[in-house]
Amino acid sequence: MSKAAKGLLDASLKEEAERKERLRQALPAAVELLRTRQAGLIAPKEIEEFISLNWLEWHGGSLKLTVTGSNVVSQSRANSIKPTDQR
C-alpha cells in the first residue's frame, strides 16, 4: 500500500471514529426526546446514523432504542460519572 493510500485510509478511520463519538455523545439526548415523545426534534440524518449503527430501530412506526443503543447510553452515563481523584 502506498503512503498516500495509507494516509487516506488513516484519515477515513479517524473521521469514522470521530463520527461515532459525536453520535455516542448525542444518543442520550435523542433517547430523552424519544421518551418524551418529541422524536420530531431529532435531525433526520442523525436518526439514519443511529439506525445504521443499530442503536435505534423502527418498530411499528415508532423509533425504539435497541439493546445495543441501551448499552451505549449506559456506558456513556457511566463514563460521565467518574469519581474525582481524592488525594
PDB file of N, CA and C in Angstrom:
ATOM      1  N   MET A   1       0.844  -1.169   0.000  1.00  0.00           N
ATOM      2  CA  MET A   1       0.000   0.000   0.000  1.00  0.00           C
ATOM      3  C   MET A   1       0.896   1.240   0.000  1.00  0.00           C
ATOM      4  N   SER A   2       0.560   2.175  -0.850  1.00  0.00           N
ATOM      5  CA  SER A   2       1.361   3.389  -0.939  1.00  0.00           C
ATOM      6  C   SER A   2       1.121   4.267   0.285  1.00  0.00           C
ATOM      7  N   LYS A   3       2.053   5.181   0.495  1.00  0.00           N
ATOM      8  CA  LYS A   3       1.923   6.104   1.629  1.00  0.00           C
ATOM      9  C   LYS A   3       0.673   6.961   1.484  1.00  0.00           C
ATOM     10  N   ALA A   4       0.362   7.382   0.257  1.00  0.00           N
ATOM     11  CA  ALA A   4      -0.821   8.213   0.027  1.00  0.00           C
ATOM     12  C   ALA A   4      -2.093   7.437   0.366  1.00  0.00           C
ATOM     13  N   ALA A   5      -2.156   6.180  -0.063  1.00  0.00           N
ATOM     14  CA  ALA A   5      -3.332   5.355   0.212  1.00  0.00           C
ATOM     15  C   ALA A   5      -3.456   5.100   1.711  1.00  0.00           C
ATOM     16  N   LYS A   6      -2.331   4.843   2.361  1.00  0.00           N
ATOM     17  CA  LYS A   6      -2.352   4.615   3.815  1.00  0.00           C
ATOM     18  C   LYS A   6      -2.822   5.877   4.537  1.00  0.00           C
ATOM     19  N   GLY A   7      -2.367   7.024   4.073  1.00  0.00           N
ATOM     20  CA  GLY A   7      -2.784   8.290   4.671  1.00  0.00           C
ATOM     21  C   GLY A   7      -4.279   8.517   4.520  1.00  0.00           C
ATOM     22  N   LEU A   8      -4.825   8.191   3.348  1.00  0.00           N
ATOM     23  CA  LEU A   8      -6.263   8.329   3.119  1.00  0.00           C
ATOM     24  C   LEU A   8      -7.055   7.369   4.001  1.00  0.00           C
ATOM     25  N   LEU A   9      -6.544   6.147   4.133  1.00  0.00           N
ATOM     26  CA  LEU A   9      -7.212   5.163   4.982  1.00  0.00           C
ATOM     27  C   LEU A   9      -7.201   5.606   6.435  1.00  0.00           C
ATOM     28  N   ASP A  10      -6.060   6.089   6.905  1.00  0.00           N
ATOM     29  CA  ASP A  10      -5.960   6.581   8.287  1.00  0.00           C
ATOM     30  C   ASP A  10      -6.916   7.750   8.522  1.00  0.00           C
ATOM     31  N   ALA A  11      -6.991   8.660   7.559  1.00  0.00           N
ATOM     32  CA  ALA A  11      -7.891   9.814   7.689  1.00  0.00           C
ATOM     33  C   ALA A  11      -9.342   9.353   7.718  1.00  0.00           C
ATOM     34  N   SER A  12      -9.667   8.364   6.904  1.00  0.00           N
ATOM     35  CA  SER A  12     -11.025   7.839   6.858  1.00  0.00           C
ATOM     36  C   SER A  12     -11.399   7.157   8.173  1.00  0.00           C
ATOM     37  N   LEU A  13     -10.476   6.386   8.730  1.00  0.00           N
ATOM     38  CA  LEU A  13     -10.721   5.713  10.006  1.00  0.00           C
ATOM     39  C   LEU A  13     -10.893   6.724  11.131  1.00  0.00           C
ATOM     40  N   LYS A  14     -10.085   7.778  11.109  1.00  0.00           N
ATOM     41  CA  LYS A  14     -10.184   8.823  12.133  1.00  0.00           C
ATOM     42  C   LYS A  14     -11.523   9.547  12.020  1.00  0.00           C
ATOM     43  N   GLU A  15     -11.931   9.829  10.799  1.00  0.00           N
ATOM     44  CA  GLU A  15     -13.200  10.509  10.567  1.00  0.00           C
ATOM     45  C   GLU A  15     -14.375   9.648  11.061  1.00  0.00           C
ATOM     46  N   GLU A  16     -14.318   8.350  10.803  1.00  0.00           N
ATOM     47  CA  GLU A  16     -15.374   7.436  11.263  1.00  0.00           C
ATOM     48  C   GLU A  16     -15.404   7.359  12.783  1.00  0.00           C
ATOM     49  N   ALA A  17     -14.252   7.314  13.417  1.00  0.00           N
ATOM     50  CA  ALA A  17     -14.192   7.276  14.881  1.00  0.00           C
ATOM     51  C   ALA A  17     -14.768   8.559  15.475  1.00  0.00           C
ATOM     52  N   GLU A  18     -14.462   9.699  14.866  1.00  0.00           N
ATOM     53  CA  GLU A  18     -14.993  10.979  15.343  1.00  0.00           C
ATOM     54  C   GLU A  18     -16.511  11.042  15.168  1.00  0.00           C
ATOM     55  N   ARG A  19     -17.012  10.499  14.049  1.00  0.00           N
ATOM     56  CA  ARG A  19     -18.457  10.467  13.800  1.00  0.00           C
ATOM     57  C   ARG A  19     -19.157   9.621  14.866  1.00  0.00           C
ATOM     58  N   LYS A  20     -18.615   8.441  15.145  1.00  0.00           N
ATOM     59  CA  LYS A  20     -19.224   7.572  16.153  1.00  0.00           C
ATOM     60  C   LYS A  20     -19.192   8.215  17.538  1.00  0.00           C
ATOM     61  N   GLU A  21     -18.117   8.890  17.854  1.00  0.00           N
ATOM     62  CA  GLU A  21     -18.029   9.557  19.161  1.00  0.00           C
ATOM     63  C   GLU A  21     -19.055  10.681  19.266  1.00  0.00           C
ATOM     64  N   ARG A  22     -19.219  11.443  18.188  1.00  0.00           N
ATOM     65  CA  ARG A  22     -20.220  12.515  18.168  1.00  0.00           C
ATOM     66  C   ARG A  22     -21.615  11.924  18.374  1.00  0.00           C
ATOM     67  N   LEU A  23     -21.899  10.821  17.687  1.00  0.00           N
ATOM     68  CA  LEU A  23     -23.205  10.176  17.831  1.00  0.00           C
ATOM     69  C   LEU A  23     -23.378   9.576  19.222  1.00  0.00           C
ATOM     70  N   ARG A  24     -22.296   9.008  19.759  1.00  0.00           N
ATOM     71  CA  ARG A  24     -22.350   8.428  21.114  1.00  0.00           C
ATOM     72  C   ARG A  24     -22.726   9.509  22.128  1.00  0.00           C
ATOM     73  N   GLN A  25     -22.181  10.702  21.946  1.00  0.00           N
ATOM     74  CA  GLN A  25     -22.484  11.799  22.859  1.00  0.00           C
ATOM     75  C   GLN A  25     -23.899  12.337  22.654  1.00  0.00           C
ATOM     76  N   ALA A  26     -24.424  12.238  21.439  1.00  0.00           N
ATOM     77  CA  ALA A  26     -25.755  12.760  21.131  1.00  0.00           C
ATOM     78  C   ALA A  26     -26.869  11.774  21.481  1.00  0.00           C
ATOM     79  N   LEU A  27     -26.552  10.491  21.610  1.00  0.00           N
ATOM     80  CA  LEU A  27     -27.590   9.482  21.818  1.00  0.00           C
ATOM     81  C   LEU A  27     -28.416   9.689  23.087  1.00  0.00           C
ATOM     82  N   PRO A  28     -27.823   9.987  24.251  1.00  0.00           N
ATOM     83  CA  PRO A  28     -28.668  10.176  25.442  1.00  0.00           C
ATOM     84  C   PRO A  28     -29.724  11.273  25.273  1.00  0.00           C
ATOM     85  N   ALA A  29     -29.388  12.352  24.611  1.00  0.00           N
ATOM     86  CA  ALA A  29     -30.368  13.426  24.381  1.00  0.00           C
ATOM     87  C   ALA A  29     -31.469  12.948  23.431  1.00  0.00           C
ATOM     88  N   ALA A  30     -31.090  12.175  22.422  1.00  0.00           N
ATOM     89  CA  ALA A  30     -32.083  11.630  21.495  1.00  0.00           C
ATOM     90  C   ALA A  30     -33.022  10.668  22.219  1.00  0.00           C
ATOM     91  N   VAL A  31     -32.479   9.868  23.111  1.00  0.00           N
ATOM     92  CA  VAL A  31     -33.295   8.929  23.889  1.00  0.00           C
ATOM     93  C   VAL A  31     -34.283   9.696  24.762  1.00  0.00           C
ATOM     94  N   GLU A  32     -33.848  10.780  25.351  1.00  0.00           N
ATOM     95  CA  GLU A  32     -34.735  11.597  26.172  1.00  0.00           C
ATOM     96  C   GLU A  32     -35.858  12.182  25.311  1.00  0.00           C
ATOM     97  N   LEU A  33     -35.534  12.617  24.092  1.00  0.00           N
ATOM     98  CA  LEU A  33     -36.575  13.134  23.195  1.00  0.00           C
ATOM     99  C   LEU A  33     -37.563  12.027  22.830  1.00  0.00           C
ATOM    100  N   LEU A  34     -37.067  10.812  22.612  1.00  0.00           N
ATOM    101  CA  LEU A  34     -37.970   9.694  22.335  1.00  0.00           C
ATOM    102  C   LEU A  34     -38.873   9.428  23.541  1.00  0.00           C
ATOM    103  N   ARG A  35     -38.286   9.459  24.718  1.00  0.00           N
ATOM    104  CA  ARG A  35     -39.040   9.182  25.941  1.00  0.00           C
ATOM    105  C   ARG A  35     -40.176  10.186  26.137  1.00  0.00           C
ATOM    106  N   THR A  36     -39.923  11.434  25.766  1.00  0.00           N
ATOM    107  CA  THR A  36     -40.931  12.489  25.936  1.00  0.00           C
ATOM    108  C   THR A  36     -41.758  12.698  24.666  1.00  0.00           C
ATOM    109  N   ARG A  37     -41.676  11.729  23.753  1.00  0.00           N
ATOM    110  CA  ARG A  37     -42.462  11.744  22.504  1.00  0.00           C
ATOM    111  C   ARG A  37     -42.211  13.001  21.670  1.00  0.00           C
ATOM    112  N   GLN A  38     -40.938  13.371  21.556  1.00  0.00           N
ATOM    113  CA  GLN A  38     -40.542  14.526  20.755  1.00  0.00           C
ATOM    114  C   GLN A  38     -39.526  14.119  19.694  1.00  0.00           C
ATOM    115  N   ALA A  39     -39.707  12.933  19.116  1.00  0.00           N
ATOM    116  CA  ALA A  39     -38.750  12.412  18.136  1.00  0.00           C
ATOM    117  C   ALA A  39     -38.589  13.343  16.938  1.00  0.00           C
ATOM    118  N   GLY A  40     -39.605  14.163  16.667  1.00  0.00           N
ATOM    119  CA  GLY A  40     -39.520  15.100  15.549  1.00  0.00           C
ATOM    120  C   GLY A  40     -38.422  16.129  15.709  1.00  0.00           C
ATOM    121  N   LEU A  41     -37.899  16.271  16.924  1.00  0.00           N
ATOM    122  CA  LEU A  41     -36.811  17.221  17.163  1.00  0.00           C
ATOM    123  C   LEU A  41     -35.430  16.627  16.882  1.00  0.00           C
ATOM    124  N   ILE A  42     -35.380  15.320  16.606  1.00  0.00           N
ATOM    125  CA  ILE A  42     -34.108  14.668  16.259  1.00  0.00           C
ATOM    126  C   ILE A  42     -33.900  14.841  14.766  1.00  0.00           C
ATOM    127  N   ALA A  43     -32.721  15.282  14.372  1.00  0.00           N
ATOM    128  CA  ALA A  43     -32.423  15.503  12.951  1.00  0.00           C
ATOM    129  C   ALA A  43     -32.555  14.187  12.176  1.00  0.00           C
ATOM    130  N   PRO A  44     -33.207  14.224  11.017  1.00  0.00           N
ATOM    131  CA  PRO A  44     -33.374  13.002  10.214  1.00  0.00           C
ATOM    132  C   PRO A  44     -32.051  12.297   9.901  1.00  0.00           C
ATOM    133  N   LYS A  45     -31.003  13.069   9.633  1.00  0.00           N
ATOM    134  CA  LYS A  45     -29.696  12.458   9.350  1.00  0.00           C
ATOM    135  C   LYS A  45     -29.168  11.713  10.572  1.00  0.00           C
ATOM    136  N   GLU A  46     -29.372  12.287  11.752  1.00  0.00           N
ATOM    137  CA  GLU A  46     -28.951  11.614  12.990  1.00  0.00           C
ATOM    138  C   GLU A  46     -29.725  10.317  13.188  1.00  0.00           C
ATOM    139  N   ILE A  47     -31.030  10.353  12.913  1.00  0.00           N
ATOM    140  CA  ILE A  47     -31.834   9.138  13.035  1.00  0.00           C
ATOM    141  C   ILE A  47     -31.278   8.057  12.123  1.00  0.00           C
ATOM    142  N   GLU A  48     -30.977   8.421  10.877  1.00  0.00           N
ATOM    143  CA  GLU A  48     -30.407   7.458   9.919  1.00  0.00           C
ATOM    144  C   GLU A  48     -29.097   6.880  10.439  1.00  0.00           C
ATOM    145  N   GLU A  49     -28.254   7.740  11.013  1.00  0.00           N
ATOM    146  CA  GLU A  49     -26.975   7.266  11.525  1.00  0.00           C
ATOM    147  C   GLU A  49     -27.154   6.352  12.735  1.00  0.00           C
ATOM    148  N   PHE A  50     -28.072   6.707  13.636  1.00  0.00           N
ATOM    149  CA  PHE A  50     -28.342   5.841  14.789  1.00  0.00           C
ATOM    150  C   PHE A  50     -28.851   4.479  14.333  1.00  0.00           C
ATOM    151  N   ILE A  51     -29.713   4.473  13.332  1.00  0.00           N
ATOM    152  CA  ILE A  51     -30.245   3.213  12.807  1.00  0.00           C
ATOM    153  C   ILE A  51     -29.137   2.400  12.150  1.00  0.00           C
ATOM    154  N   SER A  52     -28.258   3.065  11.390  1.00  0.00           N
ATOM    155  CA  SER A  52     -27.167   2.342  10.717  1.00  0.00           C
ATOM    156  C   SER A  52     -26.203   1.707  11.716  1.00  0.00           C
ATOM    157  N   LEU A  53     -26.094   2.295  12.903  1.00  0.00           N
ATOM    158  CA  LEU A  53     -25.233   1.731  13.952  1.00  0.00           C
ATOM    159  C   LEU A  53     -25.985   0.713  14.827  1.00  0.00           C
ATOM    160  N   ASN A  54     -27.274   0.498  14.523  1.00  0.00           N
ATOM    161  CA  ASN A  54     -28.124  -0.421  15.278  1.00  0.00           C
ATOM    162  C   ASN A  54     -28.354   0.068  16.711  1.00  0.00           C
ATOM    163  N   TRP A  55     -28.414   1.394  16.886  1.00  0.00           N
ATOM    164  CA  TRP A  55     -28.687   1.973  18.194  1.00  0.00           C
ATOM    165  C   TRP A  55     -30.164   2.288  18.341  1.00  0.00           C
ATOM    166  N   LEU A  56     -30.834   2.589  17.211  1.00  0.00           N
ATOM    167  CA  LEU A  56     -32.272   2.803  17.168  1.00  0.00           C
ATOM    168  C   LEU A  56     -32.838   1.923  16.062  1.00  0.00           C
ATOM    169  N   GLU A  57     -34.142   1.625  16.166  1.00  0.00           N
ATOM    170  CA  GLU A  57     -34.810   0.865  15.108  1.00  0.00           C
ATOM    171  C   GLU A  57     -36.252   1.336  14.997  1.00  0.00           C
ATOM    172  N   TRP A  58     -36.818   1.137  13.811  1.00  0.00           N
ATOM    173  CA  TRP A  58     -38.225   1.436  13.625  1.00  0.00           C
ATOM    174  C   TRP A  58     -39.009   0.245  14.128  1.00  0.00           C
ATOM    175  N   HIS A  59     -40.040   0.507  14.902  1.00  0.00           N
ATOM    176  CA  HIS A  59     -40.875  -0.544  15.457  1.00  0.00           C
ATOM    177  C   HIS A  59     -42.323  -0.079  15.407  1.00  0.00           C
ATOM    178  N   GLY A  60     -43.085  -0.596  14.449  1.00  0.00           N
ATOM    179  CA  GLY A  60     -44.491  -0.204  14.327  1.00  0.00           C
ATOM    180  C   GLY A  60     -44.695   1.281  14.089  1.00  0.00           C
ATOM    181  N   GLY A  61     -43.842   1.900  13.313  1.00  0.00           N
ATOM    182  CA  GLY A  61     -43.970   3.327  13.015  1.00  0.00           C
ATOM    183  C   GLY A  61     -43.360   4.245  14.058  1.00  0.00           C
ATOM    184  N   SER A  62     -42.763   3.669  15.087  1.00  0.00           N
ATOM    185  CA  SER A  62     -42.106   4.461  16.135  1.00  0.00           C
ATOM    186  C   SER A  62     -40.634   4.091  16.220  1.00  0.00           C
ATOM    187  N   LEU A  63     -39.831   5.034  16.645  1.00  0.00           N
ATOM    188  CA  LEU A  63     -38.430   4.741  16.890  1.00  0.00           C
ATOM    189  C   LEU A  63     -38.280   4.117  18.269  1.00  0.00           C
ATOM    190  N   LYS A  64     -37.427   3.122  18.330  1.00  0.00           N
ATOM    191  CA  LYS A  64     -37.218   2.406  19.590  1.00  0.00           C
ATOM    192  C   LYS A  64     -35.710   2.227  19.805  1.00  0.00           C
ATOM    193  N   LEU A  65     -35.282   2.364  21.045  1.00  0.00           N
ATOM    194  CA  LEU A  65     -33.890   2.125  21.410  1.00  0.00           C
ATOM    195  C   LEU A  65     -33.627   0.619  21.365  1.00  0.00           C
ATOM    196  N   THR A  66     -32.548   0.217  20.725  1.00  0.00           N
ATOM    197  CA  THR A  66     -32.191  -1.201  20.677  1.00  0.00           C
ATOM    198  C   THR A  66     -31.390  -1.569  21.926  1.00  0.00           C
ATOM    199  N   VAL A  67     -31.139  -2.859  22.100  1.00  0.00           N
ATOM    200  CA  VAL A  67     -30.310  -3.312  23.219  1.00  0.00           C
ATOM    201  C   VAL A  67     -28.918  -2.701  23.090  1.00  0.00           C
ATOM    202  N   THR A  68     -28.399  -2.683  21.873  1.00  0.00           N
ATOM    203  CA  THR A  68     -27.076  -2.081  21.644  1.00  0.00           C
ATOM    204  C   THR A  68     -27.094  -0.607  22.018  1.00  0.00           C
ATOM    205  N   GLY A  69     -28.138   0.114  21.586  1.00  0.00           N
ATOM    206  CA  GLY A  69     -28.264   1.526  21.918  1.00  0.00           C
ATOM    207  C   GLY A  69     -28.364   1.748  23.414  1.00  0.00           C
ATOM    208  N   SER A  70     -29.097   0.878  24.087  1.00  0.00           N
ATOM    209  CA  SER A  70     -29.220   0.966  25.541  1.00  0.00           C
ATOM    210  C   SER A  70     -27.864   0.793  26.214  1.00  0.00           C
ATOM    211  N   ASN A  71     -27.075  -0.145  25.702  1.00  0.00           N
ATOM    212  CA  ASN A  71     -25.735  -0.349  26.248  1.00  0.00           C
ATOM    213  C   ASN A  71     -24.843   0.869  26.016  1.00  0.00           C
ATOM    214  N   VAL A  72     -24.960   1.481  24.843  1.00  0.00           N
ATOM    215  CA  VAL A  72     -24.164   2.680  24.541  1.00  0.00           C
ATOM    216  C   VAL A  72     -24.528   3.806  25.506  1.00  0.00           C
ATOM    217  N   VAL A  73     -25.826   3.985  25.753  1.00  0.00           N
ATOM    218  CA  VAL A  73     -26.277   5.029  26.697  1.00  0.00           C
ATOM    219  C   VAL A  73     -25.752   4.727  28.095  1.00  0.00           C
ATOM    220  N   SER A  74     -25.847   3.471  28.523  1.00  0.00           N
ATOM    221  CA  SER A  74     -25.367   3.096  29.858  1.00  0.00           C
ATOM    222  C   SER A  74     -23.873   3.362  30.002  1.00  0.00           C
ATOM    223  N   GLN A  75     -23.106   3.004  28.988  1.00  0.00           N
ATOM    224  CA  GLN A  75     -21.658   3.249  29.022  1.00  0.00           C
ATOM    225  C   GLN A  75     -21.372   4.741  29.046  1.00  0.00           C
ATOM    226  N   SER A  76     -22.132   5.494  28.289  1.00  0.00           N
ATOM    227  CA  SER A  76     -21.946   6.944  28.238  1.00  0.00           C
ATOM    228  C   SER A  76     -22.202   7.564  29.608  1.00  0.00           C
ATOM    229  N   ARG A  77     -23.264   7.117  30.260  1.00  0.00           N
ATOM    230  CA  ARG A  77     -23.581   7.647  31.593  1.00  0.00           C
ATOM    231  C   ARG A  77     -22.521   7.237  32.603  1.00  0.00           C
ATOM    232  N   ALA A  78     -22.055   5.999  32.513  1.00  0.00           N
ATOM    233  CA  ALA A  78     -21.026   5.514  33.445  1.00  0.00           C
ATOM    234  C   ALA A  78     -19.733   6.309  33.268  1.00  0.00           C
ATOM    235  N   ASN A  79     -19.385   6.619  32.030  1.00  0.00           N
ATOM    236  CA  ASN A  79     -18.157   7.375  31.773  1.00  0.00           C
ATOM    237  C   ASN A  79     -18.273   8.829  32.199  1.00  0.00           C
ATOM    238  N   SER A  80     -19.490   9.365  32.216  1.00  0.00           N
ATOM    239  CA  SER A  80     -19.658  10.772  32.599  1.00  0.00           C
ATOM    240  C   SER A  80     -19.691  10.947  34.115  1.00  0.00           C
ATOM    241  N   ILE A  81     -19.839   9.856  34.850  1.00  0.00           N
ATOM    242  CA  ILE A  81     -19.890   9.922  36.315  1.00  0.00           C
ATOM    243  C   ILE A  81     -18.658   9.243  36.885  1.00  0.00           C
ATOM    244  N   LYS A  82     -17.507   9.741  36.509  1.00  0.00           N
ATOM    245  CA  LYS A  82     -16.261   9.192  37.036  1.00  0.00           C
ATOM    246  C   LYS A  82     -15.957   9.841  38.385  1.00  0.00           C
ATOM    247  N   PRO A  83     -15.537   9.055  39.350  1.00  0.00           N
ATOM    248  CA  PRO A  83     -15.194   9.646  40.641  1.00  0.00           C
ATOM    249  C   PRO A  83     -13.989  10.577  40.514  1.00  0.00           C
ATOM    250  N   THR A  84     -13.995  11.625  41.311  1.00  0.00           N
ATOM    251  CA  THR A  84     -12.865  12.559  41.285  1.00  0.00           C
ATOM    252  C   THR A  84     -11.692  11.964  42.047  1.00  0.00           C
ATOM    253  N   ASP A  85     -10.531  12.408  41.703  1.00  0.00           N
ATOM    254  CA  ASP A  85      -9.320  11.935  42.366  1.00  0.00           C
ATOM    255  C   ASP A  85      -9.279  12.520  43.780  1.00  0.00           C
ATOM    256  N   GLN A  86      -9.283  11.647  44.761  1.00  0.00           N
ATOM    257  CA  GLN A  86      -9.298  12.108  46.157  1.00  0.00           C
ATOM    258  C   GLN A  86      -7.979  11.775  46.827  1.00  0.00           C
ATOM    259  N   ARG A  87      -7.096  12.726  46.854  1.00  0.00           N
ATOM    260  CA  ARG A  87      -5.766  12.511  47.465  1.00  0.00           C
ATOM    261  C   ARG A  87      -5.729  13.110  48.826  1.00  0.00           C
TER     262      ARG A  87
END
